[in-house]
Amino acid sequence: MEIAAMGDENFVTGFEIAGIKNSYIVEGDANKVVEEVMSHDDIGIVVTEKKTFDMLSEHMKEKVLTAAKPAFVILSFDVSAEENLRLLIKRAMGIDLWK
């Protein structure tokens, strides 16, 4: 399984420097980029930023949040790392380990 980065040019460049080969720059319609990423069977994890996630239609947001493969990791600066981890585990396992 491959990891992909999706977002603006600065966001994606950081992941490319870290060695991520699959990168998708969102310049226009973020929905089309998500559809393209989801069409690749070899991509298991997609790292994106909240700004890019917010550009998606409500239907596509729901699709991203419920997709088993690829799993989308949405990085945000406005929630704590613990809260972000909590949301990822809850989405992946279907249970809230903090309760």
N, C-alpha and C. Protein backbone atom coordinates (compact mmCIF):
# COMPACT_ATOMS: atom_id res chain seq x y z
N MET A 1 0.82 -1.19 0.00
CA MET A 1 0.00 0.00 0.00
C MET A 1 0.87 1.25 0.00
N GLU A 2 0.43 2.20 -0.75
CA GLU A 2 1.14 3.46 -0.88
C GLU A 2 0.47 4.56 -0.06
N ILE A 3 1.26 5.58 0.25
CA ILE A 3 0.76 6.77 0.92
C ILE A 3 0.75 7.90 -0.09
N ALA A 4 -0.29 8.71 -0.06
CA ALA A 4 -0.39 9.85 -0.96
C ALA A 4 -0.62 11.12 -0.14
N ALA A 5 -0.17 12.24 -0.69
CA ALA A 5 -0.42 13.55 -0.09
C ALA A 5 -1.26 14.36 -1.06
N MET A 6 -2.25 15.06 -0.52
CA MET A 6 -3.15 15.84 -1.35
C MET A 6 -3.38 17.20 -0.69
N GLY A 7 -3.16 18.27 -1.45
CA GLY A 7 -3.36 19.61 -0.90
C GLY A 7 -2.75 20.66 -1.81
N ASP A 8 -2.51 21.83 -1.22
CA ASP A 8 -1.89 22.87 -2.03
C ASP A 8 -0.41 22.55 -2.26
N GLU A 9 0.22 23.33 -3.10
CA GLU A 9 1.60 23.03 -3.51
C GLU A 9 2.57 22.98 -2.33
N ASN A 10 2.45 23.90 -1.39
CA ASN A 10 3.34 23.92 -0.23
C ASN A 10 3.16 22.68 0.64
N PHE A 11 1.92 22.28 0.86
CA PHE A 11 1.62 21.11 1.68
C PHE A 11 2.21 19.86 1.04
N VAL A 12 1.95 19.68 -0.23
CA VAL A 12 2.40 18.49 -0.96
C VAL A 12 3.92 18.45 -1.05
N THR A 13 4.55 19.59 -1.27
CA THR A 13 6.01 19.64 -1.38
C THR A 13 6.68 19.12 -0.12
N GLY A 14 6.14 19.46 1.03
CA GLY A 14 6.70 18.97 2.29
C GLY A 14 6.70 17.45 2.36
N PHE A 15 5.64 16.83 1.89
CA PHE A 15 5.57 15.37 1.89
C PHE A 15 6.48 14.76 0.83
N GLU A 16 6.62 15.45 -0.29
CA GLU A 16 7.55 14.96 -1.32
C GLU A 16 8.97 14.97 -0.79
N ILE A 17 9.34 16.00 -0.05
CA ILE A 17 10.68 16.07 0.55
C ILE A 17 10.87 14.92 1.53
N ALA A 18 9.79 14.53 2.21
CA ALA A 18 9.86 13.42 3.16
C ALA A 18 9.87 12.06 2.49
N GLY A 19 9.70 12.02 1.16
CA GLY A 19 9.79 10.77 0.43
C GLY A 19 8.48 10.21 -0.10
N ILE A 20 7.38 10.93 0.08
CA ILE A 20 6.10 10.48 -0.46
C ILE A 20 6.10 10.72 -1.96
N LYS A 21 5.89 9.66 -2.72
CA LYS A 21 5.96 9.77 -4.19
C LYS A 21 4.63 10.14 -4.83
N ASN A 22 3.53 9.76 -4.20
CA ASN A 22 2.21 10.03 -4.76
C ASN A 22 1.70 11.36 -4.21
N SER A 23 1.70 12.37 -5.05
CA SER A 23 1.25 13.67 -4.59
C SER A 23 0.23 14.24 -5.58
N TYR A 24 -0.76 14.90 -5.02
CA TYR A 24 -1.84 15.48 -5.81
C TYR A 24 -2.05 16.92 -5.36
N ILE A 25 -1.76 17.85 -6.26
CA ILE A 25 -1.92 19.26 -5.95
C ILE A 25 -3.34 19.68 -6.32
N VAL A 26 -4.02 20.28 -5.36
CA VAL A 26 -5.40 20.75 -5.57
C VAL A 26 -5.34 22.23 -5.92
N GLU A 27 -5.70 22.53 -7.17
CA GLU A 27 -5.70 23.92 -7.61
C GLU A 27 -7.10 24.39 -7.98
N GLY A 28 -7.96 23.48 -8.28
CA GLY A 28 -9.32 23.84 -8.70
C GLY A 28 -10.34 23.04 -7.93
N ASP A 29 -10.94 22.08 -8.61
CA ASP A 29 -12.00 21.26 -8.04
C ASP A 29 -11.41 20.13 -7.19
N ALA A 30 -11.50 20.27 -5.89
CA ALA A 30 -10.97 19.27 -4.98
C ALA A 30 -11.71 17.94 -5.11
N ASN A 31 -13.00 17.99 -5.47
CA ASN A 31 -13.78 16.76 -5.62
C ASN A 31 -13.19 15.86 -6.70
N LYS A 32 -12.78 16.45 -7.81
CA LYS A 32 -12.19 15.67 -8.90
C LYS A 32 -10.88 15.02 -8.48
N VAL A 33 -10.09 15.75 -7.69
CA VAL A 33 -8.82 15.20 -7.22
C VAL A 33 -9.07 14.01 -6.29
N VAL A 34 -10.05 14.13 -5.40
CA VAL A 34 -10.38 13.02 -4.50
C VAL A 34 -10.83 11.81 -5.31
N GLU A 35 -11.66 12.02 -6.30
CA GLU A 35 -12.10 10.90 -7.15
C GLU A 35 -10.92 10.24 -7.84
N GLU A 36 -9.98 11.05 -8.30
CA GLU A 36 -8.78 10.48 -8.94
C GLU A 36 -7.97 9.65 -7.96
N VAL A 37 -7.76 10.20 -6.76
CA VAL A 37 -6.98 9.48 -5.74
C VAL A 37 -7.68 8.16 -5.38
N MET A 38 -9.00 8.21 -5.22
CA MET A 38 -9.74 7.01 -4.81
C MET A 38 -9.78 5.95 -5.91
N SER A 39 -9.49 6.32 -7.14
CA SER A 39 -9.51 5.36 -8.23
C SER A 39 -8.24 4.50 -8.28
N HIS A 40 -7.21 4.86 -7.53
CA HIS A 40 -5.96 4.10 -7.51
C HIS A 40 -6.03 3.02 -6.43
N ASP A 41 -5.97 1.77 -6.85
CA ASP A 41 -6.06 0.65 -5.91
C ASP A 41 -4.85 0.51 -5.01
N ASP A 42 -3.72 1.06 -5.42
CA ASP A 42 -2.50 0.89 -4.64
C ASP A 42 -2.34 1.92 -3.52
N ILE A 43 -3.20 2.93 -3.45
CA ILE A 43 -3.11 3.95 -2.41
C ILE A 43 -3.97 3.53 -1.23
N GLY A 44 -3.33 3.41 -0.06
CA GLY A 44 -4.03 2.98 1.15
C GLY A 44 -4.30 4.10 2.12
N ILE A 45 -3.43 5.13 2.11
CA ILE A 45 -3.57 6.26 3.03
C ILE A 45 -3.38 7.55 2.25
N VAL A 46 -4.27 8.50 2.48
CA VAL A 46 -4.16 9.83 1.87
C VAL A 46 -4.08 10.86 2.99
N VAL A 47 -3.00 11.61 2.99
CA VAL A 47 -2.83 12.69 3.97
C VAL A 47 -3.21 13.99 3.29
N THR A 48 -4.11 14.72 3.92
CA THR A 48 -4.54 15.99 3.36
C THR A 48 -4.68 17.01 4.48
N GLU A 49 -4.88 18.23 4.11
CA GLU A 49 -5.02 19.30 5.10
C GLU A 49 -6.48 19.70 5.22
N LYS A 50 -6.83 20.27 6.34
CA LYS A 50 -8.21 20.67 6.60
C LYS A 50 -8.71 21.67 5.57
N LYS A 51 -7.84 22.56 5.13
CA LYS A 51 -8.22 23.55 4.13
C LYS A 51 -8.71 22.87 2.85
N THR A 52 -8.04 21.84 2.43
CA THR A 52 -8.44 21.08 1.24
C THR A 52 -9.73 20.32 1.51
N PHE A 53 -9.83 19.70 2.67
CA PHE A 53 -11.04 18.97 3.05
C PHE A 53 -12.26 19.90 3.03
N ASP A 54 -12.10 21.11 3.51
CA ASP A 54 -13.20 22.08 3.55
C ASP A 54 -13.67 22.50 2.16
N MET A 55 -12.86 22.30 1.14
CA MET A 55 -13.22 22.65 -0.23
C MET A 55 -14.16 21.62 -0.86
N LEU A 56 -14.28 20.45 -0.25
CA LEU A 56 -15.09 19.37 -0.81
C LEU A 56 -16.58 19.62 -0.61
N SER A 57 -17.38 19.04 -1.51
CA SER A 57 -18.83 19.09 -1.34
C SER A 57 -19.20 18.24 -0.12
N GLU A 58 -20.40 18.44 0.40
CA GLU A 58 -20.84 17.67 1.57
C GLU A 58 -20.88 16.17 1.26
N HIS A 59 -21.32 15.84 0.07
CA HIS A 59 -21.36 14.43 -0.34
C HIS A 59 -19.95 13.83 -0.35
N MET A 60 -18.98 14.56 -0.88
CA MET A 60 -17.61 14.06 -0.96
C MET A 60 -16.97 14.00 0.42
N LYS A 61 -17.29 14.95 1.29
CA LYS A 61 -16.77 14.90 2.66
C LYS A 61 -17.23 13.62 3.35
N GLU A 62 -18.50 13.28 3.18
CA GLU A 62 -19.04 12.06 3.78
C GLU A 62 -18.34 10.84 3.20
N LYS A 63 -18.11 10.84 1.92
CA LYS A 63 -17.43 9.72 1.26
C LYS A 63 -16.00 9.57 1.80
N VAL A 64 -15.30 10.68 1.96
CA VAL A 64 -13.92 10.67 2.49
C VAL A 64 -13.90 10.16 3.93
N LEU A 65 -14.84 10.63 4.74
CA LEU A 65 -14.86 10.26 6.16
C LEU A 65 -15.26 8.82 6.39
N THR A 66 -15.97 8.21 5.45
CA THR A 66 -16.43 6.84 5.65
C THR A 66 -15.66 5.82 4.81
N ALA A 67 -14.75 6.28 3.97
CA ALA A 67 -14.00 5.36 3.11
C ALA A 67 -13.07 4.48 3.94
N ALA A 68 -13.13 3.18 3.67
CA ALA A 68 -12.21 2.26 4.32
C ALA A 68 -10.86 2.26 3.61
N LYS A 69 -10.92 2.38 2.30
CA LYS A 69 -9.69 2.42 1.51
C LYS A 69 -9.90 3.35 0.34
N PRO A 70 -9.09 4.34 0.19
CA PRO A 70 -8.01 4.69 1.11
C PRO A 70 -8.54 5.38 2.36
N ALA A 71 -7.77 5.27 3.42
CA ALA A 71 -8.08 5.98 4.66
C ALA A 71 -7.53 7.40 4.53
N PHE A 72 -8.36 8.38 4.80
CA PHE A 72 -7.95 9.77 4.71
C PHE A 72 -7.55 10.27 6.09
N VAL A 73 -6.38 10.87 6.18
CA VAL A 73 -5.90 11.51 7.40
C VAL A 73 -5.94 13.00 7.14
N ILE A 74 -6.75 13.71 7.91
CA ILE A 74 -6.93 15.15 7.71
C ILE A 74 -6.17 15.87 8.80
N LEU A 75 -5.13 16.58 8.40
CA LEU A 75 -4.30 17.32 9.35
C LEU A 75 -4.88 18.71 9.56
N SER A 76 -4.94 19.11 10.81
CA SER A 76 -5.51 20.40 11.14
C SER A 76 -4.70 21.04 12.25
N PHE A 77 -4.59 22.34 12.20
CA PHE A 77 -3.89 23.08 13.24
C PHE A 77 -4.84 23.54 14.34
N ASP A 78 -6.15 23.41 14.14
CA ASP A 78 -7.09 23.95 15.11
C ASP A 78 -7.62 22.92 16.11
N VAL A 79 -7.16 21.67 16.04
CA VAL A 79 -7.50 20.69 17.07
C VAL A 79 -6.19 20.11 17.60
N SER A 80 -6.23 19.66 18.83
CA SER A 80 -5.02 19.11 19.43
C SER A 80 -4.66 17.78 18.77
N ALA A 81 -3.42 17.39 18.92
CA ALA A 81 -2.97 16.12 18.35
C ALA A 81 -3.74 14.97 18.96
N GLU A 82 -4.06 15.07 20.24
CA GLU A 82 -4.82 14.01 20.90
C GLU A 82 -6.23 13.90 20.31
N GLU A 83 -6.87 15.03 20.07
CA GLU A 83 -8.21 15.01 19.49
C GLU A 83 -8.18 14.45 18.07
N ASN A 84 -7.16 14.82 17.30
CA ASN A 84 -7.02 14.30 15.94
C ASN A 84 -6.84 12.78 15.97
N LEU A 85 -6.01 12.29 16.88
CA LEU A 85 -5.80 10.85 17.02
C LEU A 85 -7.10 10.17 17.44
N ARG A 86 -7.83 10.78 18.35
CA ARG A 86 -9.10 10.23 18.80
C ARG A 86 -10.07 10.06 17.63
N LEU A 87 -10.17 11.08 16.79
CA LEU A 87 -11.07 11.02 15.64
C LEU A 87 -10.63 9.94 14.65
N LEU A 88 -9.32 9.80 14.43
CA LEU A 88 -8.82 8.78 13.50
C LEU A 88 -9.15 7.37 14.00
N ILE A 89 -8.93 7.14 15.29
CA ILE A 89 -9.20 5.81 15.86
C ILE A 89 -10.70 5.53 15.82
N LYS A 90 -11.49 6.53 16.16
CA LYS A 90 -12.95 6.35 16.15
C LYS A 90 -13.44 6.01 14.75
N ARG A 91 -12.89 6.70 13.76
CA ARG A 91 -13.31 6.44 12.39
C ARG A 91 -12.84 5.05 11.92
N ALA A 92 -11.62 4.67 12.27
CA ALA A 92 -11.07 3.40 11.82
C ALA A 92 -11.71 2.20 12.52
N MET A 93 -11.96 2.32 13.81
CA MET A 93 -12.45 1.19 14.58
C MET A 93 -13.96 1.24 14.84
N GLY A 94 -14.54 2.41 14.70
CA GLY A 94 -15.97 2.54 14.95
C GLY A 94 -16.34 2.71 16.40
N ILE A 95 -15.33 2.84 17.27
CA ILE A 95 -15.61 3.05 18.70
C ILE A 95 -14.75 4.20 19.22
N ASP A 96 -15.21 4.82 20.27
CA ASP A 96 -14.48 5.92 20.89
C ASP A 96 -13.75 5.39 22.12
N LEU A 97 -12.44 5.23 22.02
CA LEU A 97 -11.66 4.66 23.12
C LEU A 97 -11.52 5.60 24.30
N TRP A 98 -11.85 6.86 24.14
CA TRP A 98 -11.72 7.83 25.21
C TRP A 98 -12.93 7.84 26.15
N LYS A 99 -14.01 7.18 25.76
CA LYS A 99 -15.22 7.18 26.59
C LYS A 99 -15.26 5.99 27.50
